[in-house]
Protein backbone atom coordinates (compact mmCIF):
# COMPACT_ATOMS: atom_id res chain seq x y z
CA MET A 1 -11.63 15.73 27.47
CA ALA A 2 -12.21 12.85 25.06
CA LYS A 3 -13.50 9.57 26.45
CA ARG A 4 -10.86 6.83 26.43
CA ILE A 5 -11.74 3.31 25.32
CA LYS A 6 -9.84 0.04 25.46
CA THR A 7 -9.17 -1.53 22.04
CA LYS A 8 -9.09 -5.20 21.13
CA HIS A 9 -5.29 -4.82 20.84
CA GLY A 10 -4.96 -4.03 24.52
CA PHE A 11 -4.22 -0.31 24.55
CA GLU A 12 -6.36 2.70 25.26
CA THR A 13 -7.34 5.31 22.70
CA THR A 14 -9.95 8.01 22.36
CA SER A 15 -13.31 7.33 20.76
CA GLU A 16 -12.55 10.09 18.23
CA ARG A 17 -9.30 8.40 17.18
CA SER A 18 -11.06 5.06 16.94
CA LYS A 19 -13.72 6.57 14.68
CA LEU A 20 -11.06 8.16 12.43
CA MET A 21 -9.09 4.93 12.13
CA SER A 22 -12.22 2.95 11.19
CA LYS A 23 -12.63 5.13 8.09
CA ILE A 24 -9.24 4.23 6.63
CA ARG A 25 -9.76 2.15 3.52
CA ALA A 26 -7.73 -0.87 2.49
CA LYS A 27 -9.16 -1.16 -1.03
CA ASP A 28 -10.24 1.32 -3.67
CA THR A 29 -8.34 4.23 -2.20
CA LYS A 30 -8.23 7.47 -4.21
CA PRO A 31 -4.69 6.82 -5.49
CA GLU A 32 -5.61 3.26 -6.54
CA VAL A 33 -8.71 4.40 -8.39
CA LEU A 34 -6.79 7.24 -10.07
CA LEU A 35 -4.05 4.91 -11.32
CA ARG A 36 -6.54 2.26 -12.43
CA LYS A 37 -8.52 4.81 -14.46
CA MET A 38 -5.35 5.92 -16.23
CA LEU A 39 -4.43 2.33 -17.07
CA TRP A 40 -7.96 1.45 -18.21
CA ASN A 41 -8.18 4.55 -20.43
CA ALA A 42 -4.90 3.50 -22.05
CA GLY A 43 -6.40 0.10 -22.88
CA ILE A 44 -4.39 -1.76 -20.24
CA ARG A 45 -6.53 -4.42 -18.62
CA TYR A 46 -5.88 -5.62 -15.10
CA ARG A 47 -7.31 -7.37 -12.10
CA LYS A 48 -7.53 -5.72 -8.71
CA ASN A 49 -6.77 -7.15 -5.27
CA VAL A 50 -5.76 -10.60 -6.50
CA LYS A 51 -5.94 -12.75 -3.38
CA LYS A 52 -4.29 -15.77 -5.00
CA LEU A 53 -0.99 -13.90 -5.27
CA PRO A 54 1.36 -13.17 -2.34
CA GLY A 55 0.59 -9.84 -0.70
CA THR A 56 -2.70 -9.43 -2.61
CA PRO A 57 -1.42 -6.86 -5.12
CA ASP A 58 -3.65 -3.83 -5.62
CA ILE A 59 -3.39 -4.14 -9.40
CA VAL A 60 -2.19 -7.11 -11.47
CA ILE A 61 -1.57 -6.77 -15.18
CA GLY A 62 -1.54 -10.47 -15.93
CA LYS A 63 -0.58 -10.20 -19.60
CA HIS A 64 2.70 -8.62 -18.54
CA LYS A 65 3.13 -10.42 -15.18
CA LEU A 66 3.21 -7.06 -13.41
CA ALA A 67 2.08 -6.65 -9.79
CA LEU A 68 1.44 -3.12 -8.52
CA PHE A 69 1.13 -2.05 -4.90
CA ILE A 70 -0.02 1.37 -3.73
CA ASP A 71 1.26 1.69 -0.17
CA GLY A 72 -0.01 4.08 2.47
CA GLU A 73 2.81 6.04 4.07
CA PHE A 74 1.93 5.27 7.69
CA TRP A 75 0.92 1.61 7.35
CA HIS A 76 3.84 0.60 5.16
CA GLY A 77 6.55 2.67 6.85
CA HIS A 78 7.54 5.50 4.53
CA ASN A 79 10.71 7.09 6.03
CA TRP A 80 10.19 4.69 8.91
CA GLU A 81 13.45 5.19 10.78
CA GLU A 82 12.69 8.89 11.03
CA LYS A 83 8.96 8.58 11.69
CA LYS A 84 9.11 5.93 14.40
CA LYS A 85 11.09 8.36 16.56
CA LYS A 86 8.21 10.83 16.32
CA LEU A 87 5.46 8.45 17.47
CA LYS A 88 3.90 9.86 20.60
CA THR A 89 1.37 7.26 21.68
CA ASN A 90 1.16 3.46 21.76
CA LYS A 91 4.73 2.99 20.52
CA GLU A 92 4.82 -0.54 21.92
CA TYR A 93 1.98 -1.44 19.54
CA TRP A 94 2.75 0.64 16.42
CA ILE A 95 6.49 0.03 16.05
CA PRO A 96 6.23 -3.79 15.87
CA LYS A 97 3.05 -3.52 13.78
CA ILE A 98 4.58 -1.30 11.09
CA GLU A 99 7.86 -3.22 11.10
CA LYS A 100 5.90 -6.43 10.59
CA ASN A 101 4.08 -4.78 7.66
CA ILE A 102 7.41 -3.73 6.11
CA ALA A 103 8.76 -7.29 6.45
CA ARG A 104 5.55 -8.75 5.00
CA ASP A 105 5.75 -6.36 2.02
CA TYR A 106 9.34 -7.41 1.35
CA ASP A 107 8.43 -11.09 1.63
CA ALA A 108 5.47 -10.71 -0.76
CA SER A 109 7.66 -8.89 -3.30
CA GLN A 110 10.30 -11.64 -3.12
CA LYS A 111 7.70 -14.39 -3.62
CA LEU A 112 6.14 -12.57 -6.58
CA GLU A 113 9.53 -12.06 -8.21
CA TYR A 114 10.30 -15.76 -7.71
CA MET A 115 7.01 -16.50 -9.53
CA GLY A 116 8.20 -14.39 -12.45
CA TYR A 117 6.33 -11.18 -11.68
CA LYS A 118 7.80 -7.72 -11.94
CA VAL A 119 6.81 -5.86 -8.77
CA MET A 120 6.28 -2.12 -8.61
CA ARG A 121 5.48 -0.25 -5.42
CA PHE A 122 4.24 3.32 -5.25
CA TRP A 123 3.61 5.47 -2.21
CA GLN A 124 0.14 7.00 -2.11
CA HIS A 125 1.63 10.50 -2.03
CA GLU A 126 3.61 9.77 -5.21
CA ILE A 127 0.44 8.99 -7.12
CA MET A 128 -1.52 11.91 -5.69
CA LYS A 129 1.32 14.36 -6.37
CA ASN A 130 2.22 13.18 -9.87
CA PRO A 131 0.00 10.38 -11.22
CA GLY A 132 1.38 10.84 -14.74
CA ALA A 133 4.93 10.01 -13.65
CA CYS A 134 3.75 6.82 -11.94
CA TYR A 135 1.71 5.86 -14.99
CA LEU A 136 4.74 6.43 -17.25
CA LYS A 137 6.91 4.20 -15.04
CA ILE A 138 4.36 1.42 -15.50
CA ILE A 139 4.21 1.94 -19.27
CA GLU A 140 8.02 1.95 -19.52
CA THR A 141 8.16 -1.28 -17.53
CA ILE A 142 5.63 -2.90 -19.85
CA GLU A 143 7.43 -1.68 -22.97
CA ASN A 144 10.85 -2.81 -21.70
CA GLU A 145 9.82 -6.32 -20.70
CA ASN A 146 11.32 -7.94 -23.77
């Protein structure tokens, strides 16, 4: 049986789970890098992880005032109403945490739009499954800005 440890958030988990969770990246994920390479190869210049903007967008194409977010399915609540019913452990921690993330994402998008940015959000699985379609959505948005 796996050894249980107490986390800084006040619940118990296994050391194996803790090790797995520590490897989850917040920046430079595979989908982000894939999308950035496609944009760069097309001559579209951008900044990544712009901390001065609400929500710290993963990619900002400043010339076109376009903020891109690549959201992880678990952390940002993809199909949340369905998935939260399936949580088996630490529900009292994860449900408020993910719901707070969803609200923060919405708030960041609203603030960016108020600042004149067009906001686009992609799920990681969308990019991994069909990066070309995501790239084309970005290109169409840029081309239709006028």
